[in-house]
N, C-alpha and C. Protein backbone atom coordinates (compact mmCIF):
# COMPACT_ATOMS: atom_id res chain seq x y z
N MET A 1 76.26 106.10 60.32
CA MET A 1 75.79 105.60 61.68
C MET A 1 77.07 104.75 62.15
N THR A 2 77.61 105.04 63.27
CA THR A 2 78.60 104.36 63.89
C THR A 2 78.10 103.37 65.01
N THR A 3 78.87 102.21 65.07
CA THR A 3 78.42 101.30 66.02
C THR A 3 79.68 101.09 67.01
N THR A 4 79.31 101.16 68.30
CA THR A 4 80.37 101.02 69.28
C THR A 4 80.23 99.72 69.95
N THR A 5 81.37 99.12 70.16
CA THR A 5 81.33 97.78 70.82
C THR A 5 81.87 97.95 72.31
N THR A 6 81.16 97.59 73.21
CA THR A 6 81.64 97.70 74.56
C THR A 6 82.12 96.40 75.06
N LEU A 7 83.34 96.21 75.41
CA LEU A 7 83.99 95.06 75.98
C LEU A 7 83.77 94.96 77.40
N THR A 8 83.50 93.70 77.84
CA THR A 8 83.26 93.46 79.31
C THR A 8 84.69 93.50 79.98
N LYS A 9 84.75 93.68 81.19
CA LYS A 9 85.92 93.65 81.88
C LYS A 9 86.62 92.21 81.79
N GLU A 10 85.85 91.24 81.85
CA GLU A 10 86.33 89.92 81.44
C GLU A 10 87.08 89.87 80.22
N GLN A 11 86.33 90.36 79.15
CA GLN A 11 86.86 90.24 77.84
C GLN A 11 88.18 91.09 77.73
N LYS A 12 88.25 92.27 78.33
CA LYS A 12 89.43 93.08 78.33
C LYS A 12 90.66 92.31 78.92
N VAL A 13 90.40 91.62 80.17
CA VAL A 13 91.38 90.82 80.70
C VAL A 13 91.81 89.65 79.85
N LEU A 14 90.92 89.02 79.23
CA LEU A 14 91.21 87.87 78.35
C LEU A 14 92.01 88.38 77.19
N ASN A 15 91.73 89.50 76.58
CA ASN A 15 92.39 90.09 75.45
C ASN A 15 93.80 90.47 75.86
N ALA A 16 93.99 90.97 77.02
CA ALA A 16 95.46 91.21 77.48
C ALA A 16 96.23 89.95 77.64
N LEU A 17 95.66 88.97 78.12
CA LEU A 17 96.29 87.65 78.35
C LEU A 17 96.59 87.06 77.02
N GLN A 18 95.71 87.11 76.14
CA GLN A 18 95.88 86.55 74.85
C GLN A 18 96.95 87.29 73.94
N GLU A 19 97.26 88.49 74.27
CA GLU A 19 98.32 89.33 73.61
C GLU A 19 99.69 88.87 74.27
N GLY A 20 99.59 87.98 75.25
CA GLY A 20 100.95 87.61 75.85
C GLY A 20 101.22 88.22 77.16
N ARG A 21 100.35 89.21 77.58
CA ARG A 21 100.63 89.95 78.85
C ARG A 21 100.56 89.06 80.13
N THR A 22 101.30 89.31 81.23
CA THR A 22 101.01 88.82 82.47
C THR A 22 100.38 89.93 83.30
N LEU A 23 99.44 89.52 84.10
CA LEU A 23 98.67 90.54 84.90
C LEU A 23 98.53 90.09 86.39
N SER A 24 98.86 91.11 87.26
CA SER A 24 98.68 90.82 88.67
C SER A 24 97.27 91.26 88.93
N SER A 25 96.85 90.94 90.23
CA SER A 25 95.42 91.31 90.63
C SER A 25 95.37 92.87 90.70
N ALA A 26 96.46 93.41 91.21
CA ALA A 26 96.47 94.94 91.29
C ALA A 26 96.37 95.57 89.96
N GLN A 27 97.08 94.99 89.00
CA GLN A 27 97.01 95.55 87.52
C GLN A 27 95.60 95.43 86.95
N MET A 28 94.87 94.33 87.24
CA MET A 28 93.53 94.15 86.80
C MET A 28 92.62 95.07 87.40
N ARG A 29 92.81 95.37 88.67
CA ARG A 29 91.93 96.43 89.22
C ARG A 29 92.26 97.76 88.64
N ALA A 30 93.45 98.16 88.43
CA ALA A 30 93.81 99.48 88.06
C ALA A 30 93.52 99.73 86.61
N PHE A 31 93.95 98.71 85.66
CA PHE A 31 93.63 98.88 84.29
C PHE A 31 92.26 98.67 83.69
N PHE A 32 91.60 97.66 84.40
CA PHE A 32 90.41 97.24 83.92
C PHE A 32 89.23 97.41 84.85
N GLY A 33 89.54 97.90 86.00
CA GLY A 33 88.51 98.16 87.01
C GLY A 33 87.71 96.97 87.55
N THR A 34 88.37 95.85 87.52
CA THR A 34 87.80 94.61 88.05
C THR A 34 87.85 94.69 89.51
N GLY A 35 86.67 94.59 90.13
CA GLY A 35 86.50 94.61 91.62
C GLY A 35 87.12 93.48 92.38
N ASN A 36 86.92 92.25 91.66
CA ASN A 36 87.34 90.90 92.21
C ASN A 36 88.14 90.24 91.03
N PRO A 37 89.40 90.44 91.04
CA PRO A 37 90.13 89.86 89.88
C PRO A 37 90.27 88.35 89.88
N GLN A 38 90.17 87.71 91.07
CA GLN A 38 90.13 86.31 91.22
C GLN A 38 88.85 85.72 90.69
N ALA A 39 87.75 86.35 90.80
CA ALA A 39 86.42 85.98 90.28
C ALA A 39 86.47 86.01 88.69
N VAL A 40 87.11 87.00 88.20
CA VAL A 40 87.21 87.11 86.66
C VAL A 40 88.10 86.01 86.13
N ILE A 41 89.07 85.75 86.80
CA ILE A 41 90.11 84.62 86.36
C ILE A 41 89.20 83.27 86.54
N GLN A 42 88.57 83.04 87.58
CA GLN A 42 87.83 81.79 87.77
C GLN A 42 86.72 81.61 86.73
N SER A 43 86.16 82.76 86.32
CA SER A 43 85.05 82.71 85.27
C SER A 43 85.71 82.35 83.90
N LEU A 44 86.84 82.92 83.62
CA LEU A 44 87.58 82.54 82.40
C LEU A 44 88.06 81.09 82.35
N ARG A 45 88.51 80.59 83.59
CA ARG A 45 88.87 79.19 83.60
C ARG A 45 87.58 78.32 83.43
N PHE A 46 86.58 78.55 83.90
CA PHE A 46 85.36 77.84 83.64
C PHE A 46 84.91 77.86 82.27
N LYS A 47 85.27 78.81 81.52
CA LYS A 47 84.96 78.84 80.14
C LYS A 47 86.00 78.06 79.19
N GLY A 48 86.99 77.49 79.96
CA GLY A 48 87.99 76.79 79.26
C GLY A 48 89.39 77.35 78.88
N PHE A 49 89.54 78.48 79.49
CA PHE A 49 90.89 79.15 79.14
C PHE A 49 91.86 78.61 80.25
N PRO A 50 93.04 78.17 79.80
CA PRO A 50 94.05 77.65 80.68
C PRO A 50 94.82 78.85 81.28
N ILE A 51 94.44 79.41 82.38
CA ILE A 51 95.07 80.56 83.05
C ILE A 51 95.92 80.02 84.23
N TYR A 52 97.11 80.47 84.30
CA TYR A 52 98.01 80.02 85.43
C TYR A 52 98.47 81.08 86.26
N LEU A 53 98.68 80.72 87.43
CA LEU A 53 99.21 81.78 88.34
C LEU A 53 100.66 81.41 88.58
N ASN A 54 101.57 82.38 88.40
CA ASN A 54 103.01 82.14 88.39
C ASN A 54 103.63 83.27 89.40
N VAL A 55 104.73 82.96 90.01
CA VAL A 55 105.43 83.84 90.81
C VAL A 55 106.55 84.39 90.00
N VAL A 56 106.67 85.79 89.91
CA VAL A 56 107.75 86.37 89.22
C VAL A 56 108.56 87.20 90.25
N THR A 57 109.86 87.22 89.92
CA THR A 57 110.73 88.12 90.74
C THR A 57 111.41 89.11 89.97
N ASP A 58 111.34 90.38 90.34
CA ASP A 58 112.02 91.47 89.62
C ASP A 58 113.57 91.47 90.00
N THR A 59 114.20 92.43 89.31
CA THR A 59 115.72 92.56 89.49
C THR A 59 116.09 93.02 90.91
N LYS A 60 115.01 93.51 91.72
CA LYS A 60 115.43 93.92 93.04
C LYS A 60 115.11 92.81 94.10
N GLY A 61 114.70 91.67 93.57
CA GLY A 61 114.43 90.55 94.38
C GLY A 61 112.94 90.45 94.97
N ARG A 62 112.12 91.28 94.49
CA ARG A 62 110.77 91.41 94.89
C ARG A 62 109.88 90.36 94.10
N SER A 63 109.03 89.56 94.95
CA SER A 63 108.28 88.55 94.24
C SER A 63 106.81 89.02 94.11
N ARG A 64 106.13 88.65 93.14
CA ARG A 64 104.70 88.97 92.96
C ARG A 64 104.00 87.81 92.13
N ASN A 65 102.69 87.68 92.37
CA ASN A 65 101.91 86.74 91.66
C ASN A 65 101.47 87.32 90.34
N VAL A 66 101.51 86.78 89.21
CA VAL A 66 100.85 87.24 88.08
C VAL A 66 100.12 86.04 87.32
N TYR A 67 99.13 86.47 86.64
CA TYR A 67 98.42 85.37 85.85
C TYR A 67 98.85 85.52 84.39
N ARG A 68 98.84 84.30 83.71
CA ARG A 68 99.28 84.23 82.32
C ARG A 68 98.41 83.17 81.69
N LEU A 69 98.27 83.33 80.41
CA LEU A 69 97.47 82.28 79.54
C LEU A 69 98.50 81.24 79.10
N GLY A 70 98.22 80.01 79.30
CA GLY A 70 99.28 79.01 78.91
C GLY A 70 98.61 77.90 78.14
N THR A 71 99.32 76.85 78.20
CA THR A 71 98.87 75.62 77.42
C THR A 71 98.52 74.56 78.50
N PRO A 72 97.42 73.87 78.47
CA PRO A 72 97.05 72.99 79.46
C PRO A 72 98.00 71.68 79.32
N SER A 73 98.28 71.05 80.43
CA SER A 73 99.01 69.83 80.40
C SER A 73 98.16 68.64 79.90
N ARG A 74 98.93 67.64 79.47
CA ARG A 74 98.17 66.43 79.00
C ARG A 74 97.30 65.87 80.11
N ALA A 75 97.79 65.91 81.39
CA ALA A 75 96.99 65.44 82.54
C ALA A 75 95.67 66.17 82.68
N VAL A 76 95.68 67.51 82.49
CA VAL A 76 94.39 68.28 82.59
C VAL A 76 93.43 67.92 81.44
N ILE A 77 94.04 67.77 80.27
CA ILE A 77 93.20 67.43 79.10
C ILE A 77 92.50 66.04 79.39
N ALA A 78 93.37 65.07 79.81
CA ALA A 78 92.95 63.76 79.98
C ALA A 78 91.88 63.72 81.13
N ALA A 79 91.98 64.53 82.19
CA ALA A 79 91.03 64.58 83.30
C ALA A 79 89.67 65.13 82.57
N GLY A 80 89.73 66.15 81.75
CA GLY A 80 88.57 66.62 81.16
C GLY A 80 87.87 65.58 80.25
N TYR A 81 88.54 64.87 79.51
CA TYR A 81 87.99 63.73 78.68
C TYR A 81 87.36 62.74 79.69
N LYS A 82 88.06 62.38 80.69
CA LYS A 82 87.42 61.37 81.57
C LYS A 82 86.17 61.86 82.22
N ALA A 83 86.17 63.17 82.64
CA ALA A 83 84.87 63.65 83.17
C ALA A 83 83.79 63.58 82.18
N ILE A 84 84.06 63.92 80.94
CA ILE A 84 83.06 63.77 79.94
C ILE A 84 82.59 62.42 79.65
N ALA A 85 83.42 61.58 79.68
CA ALA A 85 83.17 60.12 79.47
C ALA A 85 82.33 59.53 80.59
N ASN A 86 82.61 60.04 81.77
CA ASN A 86 81.87 59.63 82.93
C ASN A 86 80.45 60.39 83.22
N GLY A 87 80.27 61.30 82.29
CA GLY A 87 78.98 61.99 82.35
C GLY A 87 78.91 63.04 83.42
N THR A 88 80.09 63.44 83.96
CA THR A 88 80.09 64.42 85.16
C THR A 88 80.08 65.80 84.67
N VAL A 89 80.11 66.04 83.38
CA VAL A 89 80.32 67.38 82.86
C VAL A 89 79.04 67.54 81.94
């Protein structure tokens, strides 16, 4: 008996980001079939993943926005702790 594991589109995007890839909204739509890439990113952010939007420029001078998984700044971590201490979370 074989078991198959079906990954959600959100999990597929997270896996790609955790592998070090950067993804544009168009890439998320094309590769993972996400209808609303911004909603997927927002959902991952609400789950605590530090996903950042960066502008990258290719060798021909074209700019595009890509998402990447990063490390939260001390200020972001401090704000989270303050929110917990104030009981707002």
